[in-house]
Amino acid sequence: SLSYALRTLTGLGFLGDLRYCIQCQEKLELKSHFFNKKQGFICFNCLGGTQFSQVSLAMVKLLAFIQRSSFGDVEQLAVSEKDMEQLWLMVNDIIRYQKEC
């Protein structure tokens, strides 16, 4: 399940704390989040030449909820097919990146 995959990536250190930039450790602003497949989210100031995908605040909140909630609570969520697809793409990007390292 997606919840299990996200918890595993977090537990292994492959998905950092979603509230902070993975490069500078500054708290992320609520208006813009950029996903970097190395470990998670990066702030606008650290973008530089890194490859990233812009992610909505709603998606970040959903990820944070999944990270900290019980499996039962996550299974009760009503997540759109589009959002579920985006979450799985992010998880797969992290896994693919870790396999290449």
Protein backbone atom coordinates (compact mmCIF):
# COMPACT_ATOMS: atom_id res chain seq x y z
CA SER A 1 0.00 0.00 0.00
CA LEU A 2 1.01 3.61 -0.45
CA SER A 3 1.03 4.19 3.29
CA TYR A 4 3.43 1.29 3.83
CA ALA A 5 5.72 2.48 1.01
CA LEU A 6 5.88 6.03 2.40
CA ARG A 7 6.54 4.82 5.95
CA THR A 8 9.27 2.49 4.71
CA LEU A 9 10.96 5.26 2.72
CA THR A 10 10.73 7.57 5.73
CA GLY A 11 12.04 4.93 8.13
CA LEU A 12 14.99 4.19 5.85
CA GLY A 13 15.80 7.90 5.63
CA PHE A 14 14.88 8.18 1.95
CA LEU A 15 12.05 10.64 2.55
CA GLY A 16 12.85 13.50 4.88
CA ASP A 17 10.70 15.64 7.13
CA LEU A 18 8.18 17.27 4.81
CA ARG A 19 8.22 20.52 6.78
CA TYR A 20 11.85 21.35 5.98
CA CYS A 21 14.03 21.79 2.92
CA ILE A 22 16.28 18.76 2.44
CA GLN A 23 19.25 20.97 1.54
CA CYS A 24 19.23 24.00 3.85
CA GLN A 25 16.87 22.66 6.57
CA GLU A 26 14.83 25.88 6.52
CA LYS A 27 11.12 25.50 7.21
CA LEU A 28 9.27 25.35 3.91
CA GLU A 29 6.88 28.17 3.05
CA LEU A 30 3.26 27.23 2.64
CA LYS A 31 2.93 28.72 -0.82
CA SER A 32 5.35 26.65 -2.90
CA HIS A 33 6.83 23.19 -2.55
CA PHE A 34 9.21 21.52 -4.94
CA PHE A 35 9.81 17.79 -4.90
CA ASN A 36 13.30 16.45 -5.49
CA LYS A 37 13.62 12.69 -5.95
CA LYS A 38 16.76 12.56 -3.80
CA GLN A 39 14.76 12.69 -0.57
CA GLY A 40 11.80 14.97 -0.56
CA PHE A 41 11.07 18.65 -0.67
CA ILE A 42 13.31 21.56 -1.46
CA CYS A 43 12.75 25.29 -0.98
CA PHE A 44 12.72 27.84 -3.77
CA ASN A 45 16.13 29.24 -2.73
CA CYS A 46 17.83 25.85 -3.09
CA LEU A 47 16.34 24.94 -6.47
CA GLY A 48 19.41 25.97 -8.46
CA GLY A 49 20.02 23.43 -11.19
CA THR A 50 18.31 20.51 -9.49
CA GLN A 51 15.53 18.61 -11.18
CA PHE A 52 12.24 19.14 -9.41
CA SER A 53 8.50 18.98 -9.73
CA GLN A 54 6.25 21.60 -8.21
CA VAL A 55 3.78 20.05 -5.78
CA SER A 56 0.58 21.56 -4.44
CA LEU A 57 0.19 22.39 -0.77
CA ALA A 58 -2.74 19.96 -0.65
CA MET A 59 -0.43 17.15 -1.83
CA VAL A 60 2.18 18.02 0.81
CA LYS A 61 -0.50 17.98 3.51
CA LEU A 62 -1.73 14.62 2.24
CA LEU A 63 1.80 13.18 2.34
CA ALA A 64 2.35 14.53 5.85
CA PHE A 65 -0.93 13.00 7.01
CA ILE A 66 0.01 9.63 5.53
CA GLN A 67 3.46 9.77 7.15
CA ARG A 68 2.15 10.36 10.66
CA SER A 69 -1.19 8.51 10.69
CA SER A 70 -2.10 4.91 11.37
CA PHE A 71 -2.64 2.55 8.47
CA GLY A 72 -6.35 2.38 9.33
CA ASP A 73 -6.75 6.16 9.18
CA VAL A 74 -4.97 6.30 5.84
CA GLU A 75 -7.14 3.54 4.38
CA GLN A 76 -10.23 5.65 5.24
CA LEU A 77 -9.00 8.61 3.16
CA ALA A 78 -10.89 9.55 0.03
CA VAL A 79 -8.04 10.35 -2.36
CA SER A 80 -8.70 11.18 -5.99
CA GLU A 81 -7.25 8.92 -8.65
CA LYS A 82 -5.13 11.83 -9.94
CA ASP A 83 -3.64 12.51 -6.49
CA MET A 84 -3.01 8.81 -5.91
CA GLU A 85 -1.20 8.64 -9.25
CA GLN A 86 0.99 11.62 -8.32
CA LEU A 87 1.82 10.09 -4.93
CA TRP A 88 2.86 6.79 -6.51
CA LEU A 89 4.97 8.64 -9.10
CA MET A 90 6.80 10.42 -6.27
CA VAL A 91 7.34 7.17 -4.36
CA ASN A 92 8.60 5.44 -7.52
CA ASP A 93 10.97 8.36 -8.28
CA ILE A 94 12.51 8.04 -4.81
CA ILE A 95 12.88 4.26 -5.14
CA ARG A 96 14.37 4.54 -8.63
CA TYR A 97 16.84 7.18 -7.45
CA GLN A 98 17.92 5.04 -4.48
CA LYS A 99 18.43 2.01 -6.72
CA GLU A 100 20.73 4.05 -8.97
CA CYS A 101 22.92 5.22 -6.09
